[in-house]
Protein backbone atom coordinates (compact mmCIF):
# COMPACT_ATOMS: atom_id res chain seq x y z
CA MET A 1 7.49 13.54 -6.56
CA GLU A 2 9.37 14.25 -3.36
CA THR A 3 8.56 11.94 -0.49
CA ASN A 4 9.88 11.37 2.99
CA LEU A 5 8.11 8.04 3.24
CA PRO A 6 10.55 5.17 3.75
CA THR A 7 10.94 2.03 1.72
CA LEU A 8 8.86 -0.63 3.43
CA GLN A 9 9.16 -4.37 3.30
CA LEU A 10 8.68 -7.51 5.35
CA GLY A 11 9.80 -6.97 8.95
CA ARG A 12 9.47 -3.18 9.07
CA THR A 13 7.33 -1.56 11.77
CA GLY A 14 6.11 1.90 12.66
CA GLU A 15 3.83 4.72 11.63
CA ALA A 16 4.65 4.54 7.91
CA VAL A 17 3.56 0.89 7.93
CA ARG A 18 0.39 1.86 9.80
CA PHE A 19 -0.32 4.56 7.17
CA LEU A 20 0.23 2.06 4.35
CA GLN A 21 -2.08 -0.44 6.03
CA GLN A 22 -4.81 2.20 6.44
CA LEU A 23 -4.69 2.89 2.72
CA LEU A 24 -4.65 -0.79 1.75
CA ILE A 25 -7.64 -1.41 4.03
CA ALA A 26 -9.54 1.54 2.51
CA PHE A 27 -8.77 0.24 -1.00
CA GLY A 28 -9.99 -3.25 -0.07
CA PHE A 29 -6.64 -5.03 -0.37
CA LEU A 30 -6.13 -5.70 3.36
CA GLY A 31 -8.45 -6.78 6.16
CA ASN A 32 -9.00 -4.71 9.29
CA ASN A 33 -7.42 -7.42 11.43
CA SER A 34 -4.04 -6.64 9.81
CA PHE A 35 -3.95 -3.05 11.09
CA ASN A 36 -1.01 -3.41 13.48
CA ALA A 37 1.92 -1.27 12.19
CA GLU A 38 3.86 -4.46 11.43
CA PHE A 39 4.76 -5.28 7.83
CA GLN A 40 3.95 -8.97 7.91
CA SER A 41 3.11 -11.45 5.17
CA THR A 42 -0.51 -10.25 4.94
CA THR A 43 0.64 -6.69 4.23
CA GLU A 44 3.21 -8.00 1.76
CA GLN A 45 0.50 -9.94 -0.11
CA ALA A 46 -1.76 -6.87 -0.15
CA VAL A 47 1.07 -4.79 -1.63
CA LYS A 48 1.67 -7.44 -4.31
CA GLN A 49 -2.04 -7.51 -5.14
CA PHE A 50 -2.18 -3.70 -5.34
CA LYS A 51 0.86 -3.63 -7.63
CA LYS A 52 -0.60 -6.32 -9.87
CA GLU A 53 -4.17 -5.02 -10.10
CA ILE A 54 -3.69 -1.26 -9.93
CA LEU A 55 -0.12 -0.64 -11.08
CA LYS A 56 -0.40 -3.44 -13.68
CA GLN A 57 2.91 -5.07 -12.74
CA SER A 58 3.15 -8.60 -14.11
CA ASN A 59 5.52 -9.93 -11.43
CA PRO A 60 5.17 -7.61 -8.43
CA ASN A 61 7.28 -7.80 -5.31
CA GLY A 62 6.02 -6.87 -1.86
CA ILE A 63 8.32 -3.88 -1.39
CA VAL A 64 6.92 -0.36 -1.10
CA ASP A 65 9.54 1.88 -2.69
CA ARG A 66 9.35 5.42 -4.08
CA ASP A 67 7.52 4.30 -7.24
CA THR A 68 5.01 2.30 -5.21
CA TRP A 69 4.31 5.26 -2.93
CA PHE A 70 3.77 7.40 -6.04
CA GLY A 71 1.31 4.81 -7.37
CA ILE A 72 -0.52 4.69 -4.05
CA VAL A 73 -0.82 8.47 -3.89
CA SER A 74 -2.03 8.61 -7.50
CA TRP A 75 -4.56 5.84 -6.89
CA THR A 76 -5.78 7.56 -3.71
CA GLY A 77 -7.00 10.52 -5.76
CA ASN A 78 -8.60 8.19 -8.29
CA PHE A 79 -10.17 6.05 -5.56
CA CYS A 80 -11.59 9.09 -3.73
CA SER A 81 -13.18 10.47 -6.88
CA GLN A 82 -14.78 7.08 -7.58
CA THR A 83 -16.27 6.78 -4.10
CA SER A 84 -17.49 10.38 -3.74
CA PRO A 85 -21.22 11.02 -4.16
């Protein structure tokens, strides 16, 4: 999968972080109050939880790299089909 999305981790800011947070909120891993385009500890914990529960990683880190983006995109399709009427 080709992606132009950057690697994200604690301290990053910007639109890619905002996009990630939107997805994590939609999936139920992040609260609405964390929608701020800043990759803070709450976003990091949400990423770890997503990696553990959805990507089945036993010791996940809070970094969103190429493989994590791929997992998020894959889960988005799965999530949408589960929530469609």
